[in-house]
Amino acid sequence: MKKTSYYLILIIAVGSAIVSFWVYQKYFRAEETQLLFFKVERGSIQETVKVRGEVAAQKDFDLEFPFSGTVERIFVTEGQAVIKDTPLMKLETTDFEIDARRLKAVLAQKKSNLDKLTAGATAEDIRVNEAKVASAKTALEDAKRNIVDKLRDAYTKSDDAVRNKADQFISNPRGANPQLNFAVADSQLKSAIESGRVSIEQVLAAWKTSLDALNTASDIDLYTASAKKNLSETASFLNSVTLALNPLSPSSTITQTTIDTWRSDISTARTNVNTAITNLSTAEEKLSTAKSSLQVAEDERSEISPSLSRWM
């Protein structure tokens, strides 16, 4: 027991000594001054700092052009310092230069025309323009006479197609009850031809009456529209007649020769009516062109000298 107490006391004493020594070293012992010794020599004192990094621009700019193209020339090199408004590069502008020259030429021509208008038309300009107007008027009158002729011809061809060629095989064709001289299996087709003959007679009669008053001063457009309608009705009537003749065969009262003659005559009639339709359309286009040409000539005359209108 005594031996155990002896060891415990010894351990406590040693531990206290160690702790006391550590506290002394940590908090009470004065630090010794550390001295640095250098060999001094005469010379320049330099301080060098070595670092690693990247140089960043203060500002970044994106180069943009108002149009796309090919770079023709570069005026600066990479890393070169530049100041405001210094040109950096140039695009190839040949196409723009060509357009610019063309526009300058157009502008010069317009300016020349304006100068002429401002100064007034020359006597030669007036004579040339008056000749154009006179020629356009003559062409318009020719076109009017041409379409009047085609309107009358359209009636003539329609009248011949119905009253001469179709009426060969229709009894009482201009009466109230015309009848086909041969049998037709299709009763509706037969009825359409006979009633159509009554209608066509009325069309031809009214058409003839209106043409008696037709001249170049008439309302050509109105006459043309009416003629087109009449030609269409005539063509429709002849188409029905053709359908009736196609299956027709000889009988005790009708020979093959007669049938062939009827078919040939109706074929000719249809061709003539179609020709009249084409001729009328062509004449109508010619008249429209003549009107446009005269309008252009008169507009040019007004541009050259507005005072010309007082002389007409």
C-alpha atoms as a PDB file:
ATOM      1  CA  MET A   1       0.000   0.000   0.000  1.00  0.00           C
ATOM      2  CA  LYS A   2       2.776   2.338   0.922  1.00  0.00           C
ATOM      3  CA  LYS A   3       4.665   1.339  -2.194  1.00  0.00           C
ATOM      4  CA  THR A   4       1.656   2.255  -4.406  1.00  0.00           C
ATOM      5  CA  SER A   5       1.264   5.657  -2.741  1.00  0.00           C
ATOM      6  CA  TYR A   6       4.927   6.307  -3.348  1.00  0.00           C
ATOM      7  CA  TYR A   7       4.577   5.768  -7.123  1.00  0.00           C
ATOM      8  CA  LEU A   8       1.449   7.915  -7.368  1.00  0.00           C
ATOM      9  CA  ILE A   9       3.146  10.799  -5.613  1.00  0.00           C
ATOM     10  CA  LEU A  10       6.117  10.440  -7.919  1.00  0.00           C
ATOM     11  CA  ILE A  11       3.969  10.565 -11.083  1.00  0.00           C
ATOM     12  CA  ILE A  12       2.115  13.663  -9.844  1.00  0.00           C
ATOM     13  CA  ALA A  13       5.358  15.391  -9.075  1.00  0.00           C
ATOM     14  CA  VAL A  14       6.863  14.648 -12.469  1.00  0.00           C
ATOM     15  CA  GLY A  15       3.677  15.800 -14.233  1.00  0.00           C
ATOM     16  CA  SER A  16       3.600  19.034 -12.234  1.00  0.00           C
ATOM     17  CA  ALA A  17       7.212  19.686 -13.140  1.00  0.00           C
ATOM     18  CA  ILE A  18       6.552  19.190 -16.848  1.00  0.00           C
ATOM     19  CA  VAL A  19       3.488  21.457 -16.832  1.00  0.00           C
ATOM     20  CA  SER A  20       5.382  24.151 -14.905  1.00  0.00           C
ATOM     21  CA  PHE A  21       8.249  24.015 -17.407  1.00  0.00           C
ATOM     22  CA  TRP A  22       5.837  24.391 -20.378  1.00  0.00           C
ATOM     23  CA  VAL A  23       4.043  27.353 -18.776  1.00  0.00           C
ATOM     24  CA  TYR A  24       7.380  29.019 -18.111  1.00  0.00           C
ATOM     25  CA  GLN A  25       8.574  28.524 -21.683  1.00  0.00           C
ATOM     26  CA  LYS A  26       5.265  29.725 -23.118  1.00  0.00           C
ATOM     27  CA  TYR A  27       4.422  32.760 -21.042  1.00  0.00           C
ATOM     28  CA  PHE A  28       7.358  33.868 -18.841  1.00  0.00           C
ATOM     29  CA  ARG A  29      10.624  33.187 -20.705  1.00  0.00           C
ATOM     30  CA  ALA A  30      11.901  36.184 -22.725  1.00  0.00           C
ATOM     31  CA  GLU A  31      12.667  35.459 -26.375  1.00  0.00           C
ATOM     32  CA  GLU A  32      16.236  35.850 -27.489  1.00  0.00           C
ATOM     33  CA  THR A  33      16.809  38.433 -30.257  1.00  0.00           C
ATOM     34  CA  GLN A  34      17.491  36.783 -33.652  1.00  0.00           C
ATOM     35  CA  LEU A  35      20.182  38.549 -35.609  1.00  0.00           C
ATOM     36  CA  LEU A  36      20.612  38.308 -39.424  1.00  0.00           C
ATOM     37  CA  PHE A  37      24.045  38.927 -40.836  1.00  0.00           C
ATOM     38  CA  PHE A  38      24.605  40.093 -44.464  1.00  0.00           C
ATOM     39  CA  LYS A  39      27.749  40.819 -46.385  1.00  0.00           C
ATOM     40  CA  VAL A  40      27.441  44.403 -47.623  1.00  0.00           C
ATOM     41  CA  GLU A  41      28.910  45.307 -51.007  1.00  0.00           C
ATOM     42  CA  ARG A  42      28.729  48.482 -53.075  1.00  0.00           C
ATOM     43  CA  GLY A  43      26.199  48.239 -56.008  1.00  0.00           C
ATOM     44  CA  SER A  44      22.620  48.979 -57.219  1.00  0.00           C
ATOM     45  CA  ILE A  45      19.657  47.746 -55.261  1.00  0.00           C
ATOM     46  CA  GLN A  46      16.996  46.031 -57.452  1.00  0.00           C
ATOM     47  CA  GLU A  47      13.686  44.483 -56.557  1.00  0.00           C
ATOM     48  CA  THR A  48      12.238  41.962 -59.021  1.00  0.00           C
ATOM     49  CA  VAL A  49       8.742  40.560 -58.843  1.00  0.00           C
ATOM     50  CA  LYS A  50       7.963  37.531 -60.962  1.00  0.00           C
ATOM     51  CA  VAL A  51       4.283  36.668 -61.581  1.00  0.00           C
ATOM     52  CA  ARG A  52       2.262  34.700 -64.154  1.00  0.00           C
ATOM     53  CA  GLY A  53      -0.963  35.917 -65.835  1.00  0.00           C
ATOM     54  CA  GLU A  54      -2.671  37.250 -68.995  1.00  0.00           C
ATOM     55  CA  VAL A  55      -2.989  40.785 -70.303  1.00  0.00           C
ATOM     56  CA  ALA A  56      -6.669  41.748 -70.769  1.00  0.00           C
ATOM     57  CA  ALA A  57      -7.849  44.647 -72.947  1.00  0.00           C
ATOM     58  CA  GLN A  58      -9.688  47.406 -71.192  1.00  0.00           C
ATOM     59  CA  LYS A  59     -12.462  47.229 -73.821  1.00  0.00           C
ATOM     60  CA  ASP A  60     -13.447  44.771 -76.560  1.00  0.00           C
ATOM     61  CA  PHE A  61     -14.958  45.855 -79.891  1.00  0.00           C
ATOM     62  CA  ASP A  62     -16.674  43.748 -82.568  1.00  0.00           C
ATOM     63  CA  LEU A  63     -15.933  44.912 -86.110  1.00  0.00           C
ATOM     64  CA  GLU A  64     -19.101  45.097 -88.191  1.00  0.00           C
ATOM     65  CA  PHE A  65     -19.855  46.277 -91.716  1.00  0.00           C
ATOM     66  CA  PRO A  66     -23.243  47.500 -93.010  1.00  0.00           C
ATOM     67  CA  PHE A  67     -23.090  44.866 -95.773  1.00  0.00           C
ATOM     68  CA  SER A  68     -21.321  41.581 -96.454  1.00  0.00           C
ATOM     69  CA  GLY A  69     -18.428  41.334 -98.860  1.00  0.00           C
ATOM     70  CA  THR A  70     -14.789  40.483 -99.438  1.00  0.00           C
ATOM     71  CA  VAL A  71     -12.000  42.259 -97.535  1.00  0.00           C
ATOM     72  CA  GLU A  72      -9.921  44.154-100.097  1.00  0.00           C
ATOM     73  CA  ARG A  73      -7.287  45.721 -97.862  1.00  0.00           C
ATOM     74  CA  ILE A  74      -6.197  45.763 -94.168  1.00  0.00           C
ATOM     75  CA  PHE A  75      -4.537  48.991 -92.964  1.00  0.00           C
ATOM     76  CA  VAL A  76      -3.227  47.900 -89.520  1.00  0.00           C
ATOM     77  CA  THR A  77      -1.379  44.945 -88.010  1.00  0.00           C
ATOM     78  CA  GLU A  78      -2.225  42.854 -84.962  1.00  0.00           C
ATOM     79  CA  GLY A  79      -1.261  44.604 -81.728  1.00  0.00           C
ATOM     80  CA  GLN A  80      -0.812  47.986 -83.398  1.00  0.00           C
ATOM     81  CA  ALA A  81      -2.051  50.978 -81.388  1.00  0.00           C
ATOM     82  CA  VAL A  82      -4.708  53.014 -83.186  1.00  0.00           C
ATOM     83  CA  ILE A  83      -6.604  56.199 -82.442  1.00  0.00           C
ATOM     84  CA  LYS A  84     -10.206  57.158 -83.068  1.00  0.00           C
ATOM     85  CA  ASP A  85     -11.320  57.292 -86.729  1.00  0.00           C
ATOM     86  CA  THR A  86      -8.283  55.338 -87.921  1.00  0.00           C
ATOM     87  CA  PRO A  87      -9.340  53.120 -90.868  1.00  0.00           C
ATOM     88  CA  LEU A  88      -8.751  49.445 -90.107  1.00  0.00           C
ATOM     89  CA  MET A  89      -9.814  47.637 -93.276  1.00  0.00           C
ATOM     90  CA  LYS A  90     -11.741  48.105 -96.536  1.00  0.00           C
ATOM     91  CA  LEU A  91     -14.245  45.856 -98.303  1.00  0.00           C
ATOM     92  CA  GLU A  92     -14.263  45.286-102.047  1.00  0.00           C
ATOM     93  CA  THR A  93     -16.869  47.764-103.439  1.00  0.00           C
ATOM     94  CA  THR A  94     -16.714  47.383-107.232  1.00  0.00           C
ATOM     95  CA  ASP A  95     -20.441  46.586-107.579  1.00  0.00           C
ATOM     96  CA  PHE A  96     -21.398  49.612-105.518  1.00  0.00           C
ATOM     97  CA  GLU A  97     -19.141  51.856-107.567  1.00  0.00           C
ATOM     98  CA  ILE A  98     -20.787  50.610-110.769  1.00  0.00           C
ATOM     99  CA  ASP A  99     -24.248  51.258-109.302  1.00  0.00           C
ATOM    100  CA  ALA A 100     -23.141  54.695-108.178  1.00  0.00           C
ATOM    101  CA  ARG A 101     -21.953  55.575-111.692  1.00  0.00           C
ATOM    102  CA  ARG A 102     -25.192  54.275-113.186  1.00  0.00           C
ATOM    103  CA  LEU A 103     -27.293  56.302-110.753  1.00  0.00           C
ATOM    104  CA  LYS A 104     -25.223  59.388-111.500  1.00  0.00           C
ATOM    105  CA  ALA A 105     -25.908  58.883-115.216  1.00  0.00           C
ATOM    106  CA  VAL A 106     -29.639  58.484-114.549  1.00  0.00           C
ATOM    107  CA  LEU A 107     -29.601  61.594-112.366  1.00  0.00           C
ATOM    108  CA  ALA A 108     -27.819  63.532-115.087  1.00  0.00           C
ATOM    109  CA  GLN A 109     -30.415  62.421-117.639  1.00  0.00           C
ATOM    110  CA  LYS A 110     -33.296  63.353-115.340  1.00  0.00           C
ATOM    111  CA  LYS A 111     -31.685  66.723-114.690  1.00  0.00           C
ATOM    112  CA  SER A 112     -31.302  67.241-118.440  1.00  0.00           C
ATOM    113  CA  ASN A 113     -34.988  66.424-118.960  1.00  0.00           C
ATOM    114  CA  LEU A 114     -35.923  68.784-116.140  1.00  0.00           C
ATOM    115  CA  ASP A 115     -33.831  71.524-117.684  1.00  0.00           C
ATOM    116  CA  LYS A 116     -35.636  70.998-120.980  1.00  0.00           C
ATOM    117  CA  LEU A 117     -39.025  71.170-119.289  1.00  0.00           C
ATOM    118  CA  THR A 118     -37.991  74.263-117.379  1.00  0.00           C
ATOM    119  CA  ALA A 119     -36.661  75.937-120.512  1.00  0.00           C
ATOM    120  CA  GLY A 120     -39.696  74.873-122.543  1.00  0.00           C
ATOM    121  CA  ALA A 121     -40.018  72.568-125.514  1.00  0.00           C
ATOM    122  CA  THR A 122     -38.167  73.339-128.702  1.00  0.00           C
ATOM    123  CA  ALA A 123     -39.982  73.693-131.995  1.00  0.00           C
ATOM    124  CA  GLU A 124     -38.517  70.361-133.096  1.00  0.00           C
ATOM    125  CA  ASP A 125     -39.805  68.633-129.948  1.00  0.00           C
ATOM    126  CA  ILE A 126     -43.267  69.999-130.602  1.00  0.00           C
ATOM    127  CA  ARG A 127     -43.255  68.899-134.264  1.00  0.00           C
ATOM    128  CA  VAL A 128     -42.080  65.380-133.360  1.00  0.00           C
ATOM    129  CA  ASN A 129     -44.692  64.985-130.648  1.00  0.00           C
ATOM    130  CA  GLU A 130     -47.487  66.328-132.813  1.00  0.00           C
ATOM    131  CA  ALA A 131     -46.510  63.804-135.485  1.00  0.00           C
ATOM    132  CA  LYS A 132     -46.739  61.013-132.866  1.00  0.00           C
ATOM    133  CA  VAL A 133     -50.169  62.168-131.734  1.00  0.00           C
ATOM    134  CA  ALA A 134     -51.418  62.437-135.322  1.00  0.00           C
ATOM    135  CA  SER A 135     -50.072  58.967-136.149  1.00  0.00           C
ATOM    136  CA  ALA A 136     -51.692  57.499-133.023  1.00  0.00           C
ATOM    137  CA  LYS A 137     -55.029  59.083-133.922  1.00  0.00           C
ATOM    138  CA  THR A 138     -54.825  57.651-137.429  1.00  0.00           C
ATOM    139  CA  ALA A 139     -54.020  54.211-136.020  1.00  0.00           C
ATOM    140  CA  LEU A 140     -56.982  54.476-133.661  1.00  0.00           C
ATOM    141  CA  GLU A 141     -59.363  55.355-136.490  1.00  0.00           C
ATOM    142  CA  ASP A 142     -58.007  52.441-138.525  1.00  0.00           C
ATOM    143  CA  ALA A 143     -58.557  50.130-135.554  1.00  0.00           C
ATOM    144  CA  LYS A 144     -62.138  51.390-135.169  1.00  0.00           C
ATOM    145  CA  ARG A 145     -62.882  50.826-138.849  1.00  0.00           C
ATOM    146  CA  ASN A 146     -61.317  47.374-138.624  1.00  0.00           C
ATOM    147  CA  ILE A 147     -63.475  46.302-135.692  1.00  0.00           C
ATOM    148  CA  VAL A 148     -66.598  47.738-137.348  1.00  0.00           C
ATOM    149  CA  ASP A 149     -65.807  45.546-140.369  1.00  0.00           C
ATOM    150  CA  LYS A 150     -65.312  42.515-138.135  1.00  0.00           C
ATOM    151  CA  LEU A 151     -68.612  43.172-136.346  1.00  0.00           C
ATOM    152  CA  ARG A 152     -70.471  43.275-139.653  1.00  0.00           C
ATOM    153  CA  ASP A 153     -68.590  40.202-140.888  1.00  0.00           C
ATOM    154  CA  ALA A 154     -69.533  38.317-137.720  1.00  0.00           C
ATOM    155  CA  TYR A 155     -73.203  38.940-138.467  1.00  0.00           C
ATOM    156  CA  THR A 156     -72.776  37.918-142.109  1.00  0.00           C
ATOM    157  CA  LYS A 157     -71.117  34.623-141.189  1.00  0.00           C
ATOM    158  CA  SER A 158     -73.745  33.863-138.530  1.00  0.00           C
ATOM    159  CA  ASP A 159     -76.610  34.707-140.919  1.00  0.00           C
ATOM    160  CA  ASP A 160     -75.149  32.428-143.607  1.00  0.00           C
ATOM    161  CA  ALA A 161     -74.523  29.611-141.116  1.00  0.00           C
ATOM    162  CA  VAL A 162     -78.131  29.589-139.928  1.00  0.00           C
ATOM    163  CA  ARG A 163     -80.345  30.856-142.756  1.00  0.00           C
ATOM    164  CA  ASN A 164     -78.474  29.242-145.630  1.00  0.00           C
ATOM    165  CA  LYS A 165     -76.690  26.181-144.355  1.00  0.00           C
ATOM    166  CA  ALA A 166     -78.835  24.985-141.420  1.00  0.00           C
ATOM    167  CA  ASP A 167     -82.174  25.926-142.974  1.00  0.00           C
ATOM    168  CA  GLN A 168     -81.600  23.396-145.787  1.00  0.00           C
ATOM    169  CA  PHE A 169     -83.139  20.684-143.591  1.00  0.00           C
ATOM    170  CA  ILE A 170     -85.560  22.767-141.491  1.00  0.00           C
ATOM    171  CA  SER A 171     -89.151  23.441-142.556  1.00  0.00           C
ATOM    172  CA  ASN A 172     -90.658  26.863-141.783  1.00  0.00           C
ATOM    173  CA  PRO A 173     -87.284  28.002-140.345  1.00  0.00           C
ATOM    174  CA  ARG A 174     -88.284  31.660-139.789  1.00  0.00           C
ATOM    175  CA  GLY A 175     -91.747  30.866-138.509  1.00  0.00           C
ATOM    176  CA  ALA A 176     -93.011  30.243-135.006  1.00  0.00           C
ATOM    177  CA  ASN A 177     -92.797  26.448-135.306  1.00  0.00           C
ATOM    178  CA  PRO A 178     -89.775  25.263-137.335  1.00  0.00           C
ATOM    179  CA  GLN A 179     -89.391  21.487-137.862  1.00  0.00           C
ATOM    180  CA  LEU A 180     -86.438  19.271-138.767  1.00  0.00           C
ATOM    181  CA  ASN A 181     -86.881  17.388-142.053  1.00  0.00           C
ATOM    182  CA  PHE A 182     -85.364  14.166-140.709  1.00  0.00           C
ATOM    183  CA  ALA A 183     -85.993  12.002-137.697  1.00  0.00           C
ATOM    184  CA  VAL A 184     -83.831  12.355-134.580  1.00  0.00           C
ATOM    185  CA  ALA A 185     -83.754   9.581-132.011  1.00  0.00           C
ATOM    186  CA  ASP A 186     -83.014  12.003-129.180  1.00  0.00           C
ATOM    187  CA  SER A 187     -86.263  13.915-128.692  1.00  0.00           C
ATOM    188  CA  GLN A 188     -84.617  16.475-126.366  1.00  0.00           C
ATOM    189  CA  LEU A 189     -81.973  17.239-128.991  1.00  0.00           C
ATOM    190  CA  LYS A 190     -84.665  17.642-131.677  1.00  0.00           C
ATOM    191  CA  SER A 191     -86.629  19.999-129.418  1.00  0.00           C
ATOM    192  CA  ALA A 192     -83.471  22.006-128.590  1.00  0.00           C
ATOM    193  CA  ILE A 193     -82.710  22.506-132.297  1.00  0.00           C
ATOM    194  CA  GLU A 194     -86.243  23.563-133.216  1.00  0.00           C
ATOM    195  CA  SER A 195     -86.674  25.937-130.262  1.00  0.00           C
ATOM    196  CA  GLY A 196     -83.122  27.171-130.785  1.00  0.00           C
ATOM    197  CA  ARG A 197     -83.952  28.075-134.375  1.00  0.00           C
ATOM    198  CA  VAL A 198     -86.715  30.372-133.103  1.00  0.00           C
ATOM    199  CA  SER A 199     -84.314  32.062-130.684  1.00  0.00           C
ATOM    200  CA  ILE A 200     -81.566  32.431-133.294  1.00  0.00           C
ATOM    201  CA  GLU A 201     -83.998  34.091-135.683  1.00  0.00           C
ATOM    202  CA  GLN A 202     -84.779  36.713-133.067  1.00  0.00           C
ATOM    203  CA  VAL A 203     -81.067  37.214-132.404  1.00  0.00           C
ATOM    204  CA  LEU A 204     -80.256  37.674-136.097  1.00  0.00           C
ATOM    205  CA  ALA A 205     -83.111  40.124-136.625  1.00  0.00           C
ATOM    206  CA  ALA A 206     -82.143  42.327-133.661  1.00  0.00           C
ATOM    207  CA  TRP A 207     -78.469  42.072-134.592  1.00  0.00           C
ATOM    208  CA  LYS A 208     -79.121  43.280-138.125  1.00  0.00           C
ATOM    209  CA  THR A 209     -81.137  46.231-136.886  1.00  0.00           C
ATOM    210  CA  SER A 210     -78.397  47.353-134.469  1.00  0.00           C
ATOM    211  CA  LEU A 211     -75.696  47.101-137.151  1.00  0.00           C
ATOM    212  CA  ASP A 212     -77.604  49.534-139.371  1.00  0.00           C
ATOM    213  CA  ALA A 213     -76.625  52.323-136.938  1.00  0.00           C
ATOM    214  CA  LEU A 214     -73.026  51.143-136.397  1.00  0.00           C
ATOM    215  CA  ASN A 215     -70.112  53.458-137.290  1.00  0.00           C
ATOM    216  CA  THR A 216     -66.696  54.371-135.886  1.00  0.00           C
ATOM    217  CA  ALA A 217     -68.261  56.910-133.518  1.00  0.00           C
ATOM    218  CA  SER A 218     -70.562  54.293-131.940  1.00  0.00           C
ATOM    219  CA  ASP A 219     -70.009  52.616-128.577  1.00  0.00           C
ATOM    220  CA  ILE A 220     -67.708  49.933-129.953  1.00  0.00           C
ATOM    221  CA  ASP A 221     -67.388  48.148-126.618  1.00  0.00           C
ATOM    222  CA  LEU A 222     -71.155  47.706-126.380  1.00  0.00           C
ATOM    223  CA  TYR A 223     -71.413  46.396-129.947  1.00  0.00           C
ATOM    224  CA  THR A 224     -68.484  44.024-129.365  1.00  0.00           C
ATOM    225  CA  ALA A 225     -69.994  42.547-126.205  1.00  0.00           C
ATOM    226  CA  SER A 226     -73.328  42.006-127.987  1.00  0.00           C
ATOM    227  CA  ALA A 227     -71.632  40.392-130.993  1.00  0.00           C
ATOM    228  CA  LYS A 228     -69.696  37.970-128.785  1.00  0.00           C
ATOM    229  CA  LYS A 229     -72.930  36.882-127.122  1.00  0.00           C
ATOM    230  CA  ASN A 230     -74.678  36.410-130.494  1.00  0.00           C
ATOM    231  CA  LEU A 231     -71.756  34.410-131.900  1.00  0.00           C
ATOM    232  CA  SER A 232     -71.771  32.168-128.838  1.00  0.00           C
ATOM    233  CA  GLU A 233     -75.497  31.406-129.278  1.00  0.00           C
ATOM    234  CA  THR A 234     -74.983  30.711-132.977  1.00  0.00           C
ATOM    235  CA  ALA A 235     -72.085  28.350-132.273  1.00  0.00           C
ATOM    236  CA  SER A 236     -74.155  26.510-129.653  1.00  0.00           C
ATOM    237  CA  PHE A 237     -77.033  26.071-132.133  1.00  0.00           C
ATOM    238  CA  LEU A 238     -74.673  24.688-134.798  1.00  0.00           C
ATOM    239  CA  ASN A 239     -73.159  22.250-132.287  1.00  0.00           C
ATOM    240  CA  SER A 240     -76.632  20.819-131.633  1.00  0.00           C
ATOM    241  CA  VAL A 241     -77.278  20.494-135.354  1.00  0.00           C
ATOM    242  CA  THR A 242     -73.987  18.619-135.768  1.00  0.00           C
ATOM    243  CA  LEU A 243     -74.996  16.128-133.059  1.00  0.00           C
ATOM    244  CA  ALA A 244     -78.256  15.484-134.930  1.00  0.00           C
ATOM    245  CA  LEU A 245     -76.533  14.991-138.318  1.00  0.00           C
ATOM    246  CA  ASN A 246     -73.743  12.677-137.173  1.00  0.00           C
ATOM    247  CA  PRO A 247     -75.874   9.498-136.757  1.00  0.00           C
ATOM    248  CA  LEU A 248     -78.101  10.273-139.759  1.00  0.00           C
ATOM    249  CA  SER A 249     -78.213   7.523-142.380  1.00  0.00           C
ATOM    250  CA  PRO A 250     -79.785   7.360-145.866  1.00  0.00           C
ATOM    251  CA  SER A 251     -83.495   6.616-146.245  1.00  0.00           C
ATOM    252  CA  SER A 252     -86.168   6.575-148.920  1.00  0.00           C
ATOM    253  CA  THR A 253     -86.358  10.386-148.720  1.00  0.00           C
ATOM    254  CA  ILE A 254     -82.721  11.317-147.999  1.00  0.00           C
ATOM    255  CA  THR A 255     -79.717  10.156-149.985  1.00  0.00           C
ATOM    256  CA  GLN A 256     -76.177   9.767-148.715  1.00  0.00           C
ATOM    257  CA  THR A 257     -75.121  12.573-151.037  1.00  0.00           C
ATOM    258  CA  THR A 258     -77.625  14.916-149.412  1.00  0.00           C
ATOM    259  CA  ILE A 259     -76.467  13.912-145.934  1.00  0.00           C
ATOM    260  CA  ASP A 260     -72.830  14.482-146.904  1.00  0.00           C
ATOM    261  CA  THR A 261     -73.704  17.911-148.276  1.00  0.00           C
ATOM    262  CA  TRP A 262     -75.514  18.897-145.092  1.00  0.00           C
ATOM    263  CA  ARG A 263     -72.634  17.728-142.912  1.00  0.00           C
ATOM    264  CA  SER A 264     -70.076  19.561-145.050  1.00  0.00           C
ATOM    265  CA  ASP A 265     -72.110  22.771-145.032  1.00  0.00           C
ATOM    266  CA  ILE A 266     -72.594  22.695-141.241  1.00  0.00           C
ATOM    267  CA  SER A 267     -68.874  22.013-140.754  1.00  0.00           C
ATOM    268  CA  THR A 268     -68.093  25.037-142.929  1.00  0.00           C
ATOM    269  CA  ALA A 269     -70.641  27.112-140.984  1.00  0.00           C
ATOM    270  CA  ARG A 270     -69.044  26.213-137.661  1.00  0.00           C
ATOM    271  CA  THR A 271     -65.586  27.062-139.001  1.00  0.00           C
ATOM    272  CA  ASN A 272     -66.811  30.433-140.262  1.00  0.00           C
ATOM    273  CA  VAL A 273     -68.406  31.311-136.913  1.00  0.00           C
ATOM    274  CA  ASN A 274     -65.266  30.325-135.002  1.00  0.00           C
ATOM    275  CA  THR A 275     -63.208  32.440-137.413  1.00  0.00           C
ATOM    276  CA  ALA A 276     -65.522  35.384-136.751  1.00  0.00           C
ATOM    277  CA  ILE A 277     -65.003  34.948-132.996  1.00  0.00           C
ATOM    278  CA  THR A 278     -61.201  34.942-133.446  1.00  0.00           C
ATOM    279  CA  ASN A 279     -61.233  37.915-135.823  1.00  0.00           C
ATOM    280  CA  LEU A 280     -63.361  39.941-133.433  1.00  0.00           C
ATOM    281  CA  SER A 281     -61.046  39.233-130.495  1.00  0.00           C
ATOM    282  CA  THR A 282     -58.001  40.235-132.549  1.00  0.00           C
ATOM    283  CA  ALA A 283     -59.686  43.456-133.691  1.00  0.00           C
ATOM    284  CA  GLU A 284     -60.624  44.215-130.094  1.00  0.00           C
ATOM    285  CA  GLU A 285     -57.010  43.849-128.968  1.00  0.00           C
ATOM    286  CA  LYS A 286     -55.818  46.052-131.820  1.00  0.00           C
ATOM    287  CA  LEU A 287     -58.303  48.749-130.820  1.00  0.00           C
ATOM    288  CA  SER A 288     -57.168  48.572-127.177  1.00  0.00           C
ATOM    289  CA  THR A 289     -53.522  48.925-128.246  1.00  0.00           C
ATOM    290  CA  ALA A 290     -54.343  51.922-130.455  1.00  0.00           C
ATOM    291  CA  LYS A 291     -56.155  53.639-127.576  1.00  0.00           C
ATOM    292  CA  SER A 292     -53.183  53.087-125.263  1.00  0.00           C
ATOM    293  CA  SER A 293     -50.719  54.394-127.846  1.00  0.00           C
ATOM    294  CA  LEU A 294     -52.743  57.567-128.334  1.00  0.00           C
ATOM    295  CA  GLN A 295     -52.949  58.116-124.584  1.00  0.00           C
ATOM    296  CA  VAL A 296     -49.169  57.772-124.258  1.00  0.00           C
ATOM    297  CA  ALA A 297     -48.566  60.236-127.104  1.00  0.00           C
ATOM    298  CA  GLU A 298     -50.961  62.766-125.581  1.00  0.00           C
ATOM    299  CA  ASP A 299     -49.347  62.363-122.140  1.00  0.00           C
ATOM    300  CA  GLU A 300     -45.923  63.029-123.677  1.00  0.00           C
ATOM    301  CA  ARG A 301     -47.314  66.130-125.365  1.00  0.00           C
ATOM    302  CA  SER A 302     -48.582  67.388-122.017  1.00  0.00           C
ATOM    303  CA  GLU A 303     -45.144  66.848-120.451  1.00  0.00           C
ATOM    304  CA  ILE A 304     -43.329  68.630-123.281  1.00  0.00           C
ATOM    305  CA  SER A 305     -45.553  71.670-123.292  1.00  0.00           C
ATOM    306  CA  PRO A 306     -48.807  71.998-121.356  1.00  0.00           C
ATOM    307  CA  SER A 307     -49.680  75.017-123.494  1.00  0.00           C
ATOM    308  CA  LEU A 308     -50.070  72.808-126.577  1.00  0.00           C
ATOM    309  CA  SER A 309     -53.554  71.862-125.418  1.00  0.00           C
ATOM    310  CA  ARG A 310     -54.718  75.396-126.255  1.00  0.00           C
ATOM    311  CA  TRP A 311     -53.693  74.952-129.890  1.00  0.00           C
ATOM    312  CA  MET A 312     -55.674  71.755-130.491  1.00  0.00           C
END
